[in-house]
Amino acid sequence: MSRAELLALLRELDDPERLERPLHYDPAATGLAFGGLVRRLEADFGVPCESEQDTGDSSEYGRVRGPADATVCGTRIVVCVSKFGSLAEVCADDLGAFLSTDEAR
């Protein structure tokens, strides 16, 4: 996705009346997609991944954690999934502790 496309998407999803979820949020569909992500990460890492979902009062649907001993760099991977479309944040170990992907590696 280009920078312009990403900015357009973020503007489309920005709604001061709906801070926690978009207008047409489908929790069942999001739950299915999240479950698929957990299964995919567990298959890719070859180990069970800790997950939590549908946290209240949050625009975040859930998190999946890939254990440190299953990664090449020995650092836990955390994937935070949004209730807004298919947006996600991927972090190395400590959320927000790195300024770039290269720094996290």
Protein backbone atom coordinates (compact mmCIF):
# COMPACT_ATOMS: atom_id res chain seq x y z
CA MET A 1 0.00 0.00 0.00
CA SER A 2 1.39 3.40 -0.92
CA ARG A 3 1.67 6.23 1.57
CA ALA A 4 -1.21 8.07 -0.13
CA GLU A 5 -3.42 4.96 -0.01
CA LEU A 6 -2.60 4.39 3.66
CA LEU A 7 -3.41 8.01 4.56
CA ALA A 8 -6.70 7.78 2.65
CA LEU A 9 -7.61 4.59 4.53
CA LEU A 10 -6.78 6.13 7.90
CA ARG A 11 -8.89 9.22 7.08
CA GLU A 12 -11.79 6.98 6.01
CA LEU A 13 -11.64 5.08 9.31
CA ASP A 14 -11.29 8.21 11.46
CA ASP A 15 -14.66 8.99 13.05
CA PRO A 16 -14.89 11.06 16.25
CA GLU A 17 -18.21 9.34 17.09
CA ARG A 18 -16.71 5.83 16.88
CA LEU A 19 -13.36 5.75 18.65
CA GLU A 20 -13.30 2.03 19.48
CA ARG A 21 -14.68 0.42 16.32
CA PRO A 22 -15.80 1.39 12.82
CA LEU A 23 -19.43 1.82 11.82
CA HIS A 24 -19.73 -1.57 10.11
CA TYR A 25 -17.60 -3.55 12.56
CA ASP A 26 -18.31 -7.30 12.42
CA PRO A 27 -16.93 -8.98 15.56
CA ALA A 28 -17.63 -12.49 14.22
CA ALA A 29 -15.67 -11.86 11.00
CA THR A 30 -12.85 -10.21 12.92
CA GLY A 31 -12.75 -13.17 15.31
CA LEU A 32 -12.49 -15.62 12.40
CA ALA A 33 -9.69 -13.63 10.81
CA PHE A 34 -7.88 -13.34 14.16
CA GLY A 35 -8.17 -17.10 14.74
CA GLY A 36 -6.70 -17.68 11.28
CA LEU A 37 -3.79 -15.38 12.11
CA VAL A 38 -3.09 -17.24 15.36
CA ARG A 39 -3.13 -20.61 13.55
CA ARG A 40 -0.87 -19.27 10.78
CA LEU A 41 1.67 -17.87 13.24
CA GLU A 42 1.66 -21.09 15.26
CA ALA A 43 2.28 -23.07 12.07
CA ASP A 44 5.03 -20.68 10.93
CA PHE A 45 6.76 -20.58 14.34
CA GLY A 46 6.14 -24.27 14.98
CA VAL A 47 5.03 -23.62 18.57
CA PRO A 48 1.87 -22.44 20.35
CA CYS A 49 1.49 -18.65 20.47
CA GLU A 50 -0.12 -16.84 23.38
CA SER A 51 -3.11 -14.74 22.32
CA GLU A 52 -5.80 -12.57 23.83
CA GLN A 53 -8.77 -11.11 22.03
CA ASP A 54 -11.66 -8.71 22.14
CA THR A 55 -10.38 -6.47 24.90
CA GLY A 56 -13.04 -4.04 26.12
CA ASP A 57 -12.92 -0.27 25.69
CA SER A 58 -10.22 -0.48 23.03
CA SER A 59 -9.83 -0.17 19.27
CA GLU A 60 -7.50 -3.17 19.46
CA TYR A 61 -9.19 -6.50 18.81
CA GLY A 62 -6.41 -8.66 20.17
CA ARG A 63 -2.73 -9.61 20.37
CA VAL A 64 -0.69 -12.63 19.39
CA ARG A 65 2.75 -13.25 20.86
CA GLY A 66 5.34 -15.39 19.12
CA PRO A 67 7.76 -16.73 21.76
CA ALA A 68 11.36 -15.50 21.72
CA ASP A 69 12.84 -18.99 21.49
CA ALA A 70 10.95 -19.56 18.22
CA THR A 71 12.41 -16.51 16.42
CA VAL A 72 15.71 -16.19 14.59
CA CYS A 73 16.81 -13.21 16.69
CA GLY A 74 15.62 -14.64 20.01
CA THR A 75 13.15 -11.80 20.52
CA ARG A 76 9.44 -12.22 21.17
CA ILE A 77 7.22 -10.95 18.33
CA VAL A 78 3.92 -9.24 19.20
CA VAL A 79 1.16 -8.65 16.62
CA CYS A 80 -1.58 -6.22 17.68
CA VAL A 81 -4.72 -6.46 15.52
CA SER A 82 -7.11 -3.51 15.17
CA LYS A 83 -10.90 -3.56 15.01
CA PHE A 84 -10.53 -1.12 12.11
CA GLY A 85 -10.22 -3.20 8.95
CA SER A 86 -7.18 -5.37 8.57
CA LEU A 87 -4.78 -3.03 10.34
CA ALA A 88 -2.09 -4.51 12.55
CA GLU A 89 1.08 -3.46 14.32
CA VAL A 90 4.01 -5.85 14.54
CA CYS A 91 6.50 -5.23 17.33
CA ALA A 92 9.63 -6.88 18.56
CA ASP A 93 9.24 -7.75 22.26
CA ASP A 94 8.51 -4.39 23.88
CA LEU A 95 5.67 -2.47 22.20
CA GLY A 96 6.85 0.88 20.95
CA ALA A 97 10.43 0.44 22.12
CA PHE A 98 11.97 0.53 18.64
CA LEU A 99 12.05 3.37 16.11
CA SER A 100 12.21 1.14 13.03
CA THR A 101 12.12 -2.45 11.84
CA ASP A 102 15.89 -2.34 11.31
CA GLU A 103 16.43 -1.18 14.89
CA ALA A 104 14.14 -3.94 16.19
CA ARG A 105 16.14 -6.58 14.30
